[in-house]
């Protein structure tokens, strides 16, 4: 696990942590979340700054908000996503 953790970022948190799995179940019921808007141009700037190696609204996104300021077109928001 330690050796694989050197190759895969946040291996324990993403695939083995029981707390992370439980939080993933409750994430869909959160009132506020980090999400992409339709202005997203898929430049992957958010992916480069994310410690979990994901984009907003994708699996393993922890809604930490590190990506909010990284988007050059301001397509990442924090709040309630309108459907």
N, C-alpha and C. Protein backbone atom coordinates (compact mmCIF):
# COMPACT_ATOMS: atom_id res chain seq x y z
N UNK A 1 0.83 -1.20 0.00
CA UNK A 1 0.00 0.00 0.00
C UNK A 1 0.87 1.26 0.00
N UNK A 2 1.96 1.21 0.77
CA UNK A 2 2.85 2.36 0.83
C UNK A 2 3.54 2.58 -0.50
N UNK A 3 4.02 1.52 -1.11
CA UNK A 3 4.70 1.63 -2.41
C UNK A 3 3.73 2.12 -3.49
N UNK A 4 2.52 1.62 -3.49
CA UNK A 4 1.53 2.05 -4.47
C UNK A 4 1.12 3.50 -4.22
N UNK A 5 1.16 3.92 -2.97
CA UNK A 5 0.83 5.29 -2.61
C UNK A 5 1.81 6.29 -3.19
N UNK A 6 3.02 5.85 -3.48
CA UNK A 6 3.99 6.72 -4.12
C UNK A 6 3.66 6.95 -5.59
N UNK A 7 2.95 6.02 -6.19
CA UNK A 7 2.61 6.12 -7.60
C UNK A 7 1.24 6.74 -7.84
N UNK A 8 0.29 6.48 -6.96
CA UNK A 8 -1.08 6.97 -7.11
C UNK A 8 -1.37 7.99 -6.01
N UNK A 9 -1.67 9.22 -6.41
CA UNK A 9 -1.92 10.29 -5.45
C UNK A 9 -3.11 9.97 -4.55
N UNK A 10 -2.93 10.15 -3.27
CA UNK A 10 -3.98 9.95 -2.26
C UNK A 10 -4.64 8.58 -2.36
N UNK A 11 -3.85 7.56 -2.54
CA UNK A 11 -4.37 6.20 -2.70
C UNK A 11 -5.27 5.81 -1.54
N UNK A 12 -4.82 6.02 -0.32
CA UNK A 12 -5.61 5.63 0.84
C UNK A 12 -6.94 6.39 0.87
N UNK A 13 -6.91 7.69 0.68
CA UNK A 13 -8.12 8.50 0.76
C UNK A 13 -9.11 8.16 -0.36
N UNK A 14 -8.60 7.87 -1.53
CA UNK A 14 -9.48 7.65 -2.68
C UNK A 14 -10.08 6.25 -2.73
N UNK A 15 -9.35 5.24 -2.26
CA UNK A 15 -9.81 3.87 -2.50
C UNK A 15 -9.98 3.00 -1.25
N UNK A 16 -9.38 3.36 -0.12
CA UNK A 16 -9.41 2.45 1.02
C UNK A 16 -9.99 3.04 2.30
N UNK A 17 -10.07 4.34 2.40
CA UNK A 17 -10.51 4.97 3.64
C UNK A 17 -12.01 4.78 3.86
N UNK A 18 -12.42 4.20 4.98
CA UNK A 18 -13.85 4.01 5.23
C UNK A 18 -14.59 5.34 5.45
N UNK A 19 -13.92 6.33 6.00
CA UNK A 19 -14.55 7.63 6.19
C UNK A 19 -14.84 8.28 4.85
N UNK A 20 -13.90 8.18 3.92
CA UNK A 20 -14.10 8.74 2.59
C UNK A 20 -15.28 8.10 1.87
N UNK A 21 -15.42 6.80 2.03
CA UNK A 21 -16.55 6.09 1.42
C UNK A 21 -17.88 6.53 1.99
N UNK A 22 -17.91 6.73 3.30
CA UNK A 22 -19.12 7.19 3.95
C UNK A 22 -19.47 8.62 3.53
N UNK A 23 -18.46 9.48 3.45
CA UNK A 23 -18.71 10.85 3.01
C UNK A 23 -19.17 10.90 1.57
N UNK A 24 -18.69 10.00 0.74
CA UNK A 24 -19.11 9.94 -0.66
C UNK A 24 -20.62 9.64 -0.75
N UNK A 25 -21.13 8.81 0.16
CA UNK A 25 -22.57 8.52 0.16
C UNK A 25 -23.40 9.74 0.53
N UNK A 26 -22.91 10.53 1.49
CA UNK A 26 -23.65 11.70 1.96
C UNK A 26 -23.45 12.92 1.08
N UNK A 27 -22.45 12.89 0.20
CA UNK A 27 -22.14 14.05 -0.63
C UNK A 27 -23.31 14.45 -1.52
N UNK A 28 -24.06 13.51 -1.99
CA UNK A 28 -25.16 13.84 -2.90
C UNK A 28 -26.29 14.58 -2.20
N UNK A 29 -26.32 14.58 -0.88
CA UNK A 29 -27.37 15.27 -0.13
C UNK A 29 -26.92 16.63 0.40
N UNK A 30 -25.71 17.08 0.05
CA UNK A 30 -25.20 18.34 0.59
C UNK A 30 -25.95 19.52 -0.02
N UNK A 31 -26.12 20.57 0.76
CA UNK A 31 -26.81 21.75 0.29
C UNK A 31 -25.94 22.58 -0.64
N UNK A 32 -24.65 22.66 -0.34
CA UNK A 32 -23.72 23.44 -1.14
C UNK A 32 -22.62 22.54 -1.66
N UNK A 33 -22.19 22.79 -2.89
CA UNK A 33 -21.14 21.97 -3.48
C UNK A 33 -20.37 22.79 -4.51
N UNK A 34 -19.21 22.29 -4.88
CA UNK A 34 -18.41 22.88 -5.94
C UNK A 34 -18.87 22.22 -7.24
N UNK A 35 -19.19 23.04 -8.26
CA UNK A 35 -19.69 22.47 -9.51
C UNK A 35 -19.22 23.29 -10.70
N UNK A 36 -19.24 22.66 -11.87
CA UNK A 36 -18.89 23.33 -13.12
C UNK A 36 -20.16 23.89 -13.76
N UNK A 37 -20.03 25.04 -14.40
CA UNK A 37 -21.14 25.61 -15.15
C UNK A 37 -20.96 25.28 -16.64
N UNK A 38 -21.91 25.72 -17.43
CA UNK A 38 -21.83 25.45 -18.88
C UNK A 38 -20.72 26.24 -19.56
N UNK A 39 -20.13 27.20 -18.87
CA UNK A 39 -19.02 27.99 -19.43
C UNK A 39 -17.70 27.22 -19.45
N UNK A 40 -17.68 26.04 -18.87
CA UNK A 40 -16.45 25.24 -18.80
C UNK A 40 -15.98 24.89 -20.22
N UNK A 41 -14.68 25.12 -20.46
CA UNK A 41 -14.12 24.82 -21.77
C UNK A 41 -13.15 23.62 -21.73
N UNK A 42 -13.20 22.84 -20.65
CA UNK A 42 -12.39 21.64 -20.47
C UNK A 42 -10.89 21.89 -20.62
N UNK A 43 -10.41 22.98 -20.01
CA UNK A 43 -8.98 23.30 -20.08
C UNK A 43 -8.16 22.49 -19.08
N UNK A 44 -8.83 21.85 -18.13
CA UNK A 44 -8.21 21.00 -17.09
C UNK A 44 -7.34 21.76 -16.10
N UNK A 45 -7.53 23.07 -15.97
CA UNK A 45 -6.80 23.84 -14.97
C UNK A 45 -7.19 23.38 -13.56
N UNK A 46 -8.46 23.04 -13.38
CA UNK A 46 -8.92 22.56 -12.08
C UNK A 46 -8.30 21.20 -11.74
N UNK A 47 -8.13 20.39 -12.73
CA UNK A 47 -7.55 19.07 -12.54
C UNK A 47 -6.10 19.17 -12.10
N UNK A 48 -5.39 20.17 -12.57
CA UNK A 48 -3.97 20.35 -12.23
C UNK A 48 -3.77 20.78 -10.79
N UNK A 49 -4.73 21.50 -10.20
CA UNK A 49 -4.57 21.96 -8.82
C UNK A 49 -5.22 21.03 -7.80
N UNK A 50 -6.02 20.09 -8.25
CA UNK A 50 -6.75 19.21 -7.34
C UNK A 50 -5.86 18.12 -6.77
N UNK A 51 -5.83 18.01 -5.45
CA UNK A 51 -5.03 16.96 -4.80
C UNK A 51 -5.62 15.58 -5.03
N UNK A 52 -6.91 15.51 -5.28
CA UNK A 52 -7.55 14.21 -5.51
C UNK A 52 -7.52 13.81 -6.98
N UNK A 53 -7.05 14.68 -7.84
CA UNK A 53 -6.95 14.36 -9.26
C UNK A 53 -8.30 14.23 -9.95
N UNK A 54 -9.21 15.14 -9.64
CA UNK A 54 -10.55 15.08 -10.22
C UNK A 54 -11.05 16.49 -10.55
N UNK A 55 -12.14 16.56 -11.24
CA UNK A 55 -12.79 17.82 -11.56
C UNK A 55 -14.04 17.97 -10.68
N UNK A 56 -14.58 19.17 -10.56
CA UNK A 56 -15.82 19.34 -9.79
C UNK A 56 -16.94 18.48 -10.37
N UNK A 57 -17.79 17.98 -9.51
CA UNK A 57 -18.94 17.14 -9.88
C UNK A 57 -18.56 15.75 -10.39
N UNK A 58 -17.33 15.33 -10.22
CA UNK A 58 -16.92 13.99 -10.62
C UNK A 58 -16.67 13.15 -9.38
N UNK A 59 -16.67 11.84 -9.53
CA UNK A 59 -16.36 10.99 -8.36
C UNK A 59 -15.02 11.36 -7.75
N UNK A 60 -14.91 11.24 -6.46
CA UNK A 60 -13.74 11.57 -5.64
C UNK A 60 -13.56 13.07 -5.42
N UNK A 61 -14.42 13.93 -5.95
CA UNK A 61 -14.35 15.35 -5.64
C UNK A 61 -14.82 15.53 -4.20
N UNK A 62 -13.97 16.15 -3.37
CA UNK A 62 -14.30 16.32 -1.96
C UNK A 62 -14.90 17.68 -1.65
N UNK A 63 -15.16 18.49 -2.68
CA UNK A 63 -15.72 19.83 -2.51
C UNK A 63 -14.85 20.73 -1.65
N UNK A 64 -13.53 20.58 -1.78
CA UNK A 64 -12.60 21.36 -0.97
C UNK A 64 -12.51 22.81 -1.44
N UNK A 65 -12.75 23.06 -2.72
CA UNK A 65 -12.73 24.42 -3.25
C UNK A 65 -11.38 24.89 -3.73
N UNK A 66 -10.37 24.03 -3.76
CA UNK A 66 -9.05 24.43 -4.24
C UNK A 66 -9.08 24.87 -5.71
N UNK A 67 -10.04 24.39 -6.45
CA UNK A 67 -10.13 24.67 -7.88
C UNK A 67 -10.86 25.96 -8.21
N UNK A 68 -11.49 26.59 -7.25
CA UNK A 68 -12.34 27.76 -7.53
C UNK A 68 -11.58 28.89 -8.22
N UNK A 69 -10.40 29.18 -7.78
CA UNK A 69 -9.63 30.30 -8.35
C UNK A 69 -8.79 29.88 -9.55
N UNK A 70 -8.74 28.60 -9.87
CA UNK A 70 -7.87 28.14 -10.95
C UNK A 70 -8.51 28.27 -12.33
N UNK A 71 -9.80 28.42 -12.40
CA UNK A 71 -10.50 28.43 -13.69
C UNK A 71 -10.34 29.78 -14.40
N UNK A 72 -9.78 29.78 -15.60
CA UNK A 72 -9.57 31.04 -16.32
C UNK A 72 -10.87 31.68 -16.84
N UNK A 73 -11.93 30.90 -16.99
CA UNK A 73 -13.20 31.45 -17.49
C UNK A 73 -14.25 31.54 -16.39
N UNK A 74 -13.84 31.34 -15.13
CA UNK A 74 -14.73 31.43 -13.97
C UNK A 74 -15.96 30.52 -14.11
N UNK A 75 -15.70 29.27 -14.52
CA UNK A 75 -16.79 28.32 -14.74
C UNK A 75 -17.01 27.39 -13.55
N UNK A 76 -16.29 27.59 -12.46
CA UNK A 76 -16.44 26.75 -11.27
C UNK A 76 -17.06 27.61 -10.17
N UNK A 77 -18.14 27.13 -9.61
CA UNK A 77 -18.88 27.89 -8.60
C UNK A 77 -19.05 27.06 -7.33
N UNK A 78 -19.33 27.74 -6.23
CA UNK A 78 -19.65 27.11 -4.96
C UNK A 78 -21.05 27.55 -4.59
N UNK A 79 -21.91 26.60 -4.33
CA UNK A 79 -23.29 26.93 -3.96
C UNK A 79 -24.23 25.81 -4.33
N UNK A 80 -25.46 26.18 -4.58
CA UNK A 80 -26.47 25.20 -4.99
C UNK A 80 -26.51 25.12 -6.50
N UNK A 81 -26.39 23.94 -7.02
CA UNK A 81 -26.42 23.75 -8.46
C UNK A 81 -27.87 23.72 -8.93
N UNK A 82 -28.17 24.57 -9.88
CA UNK A 82 -29.52 24.61 -10.44
C UNK A 82 -29.61 23.59 -11.55
N UNK A 83 -30.69 22.85 -11.55
CA UNK A 83 -30.87 21.78 -12.55
C UNK A 83 -31.58 22.30 -13.77
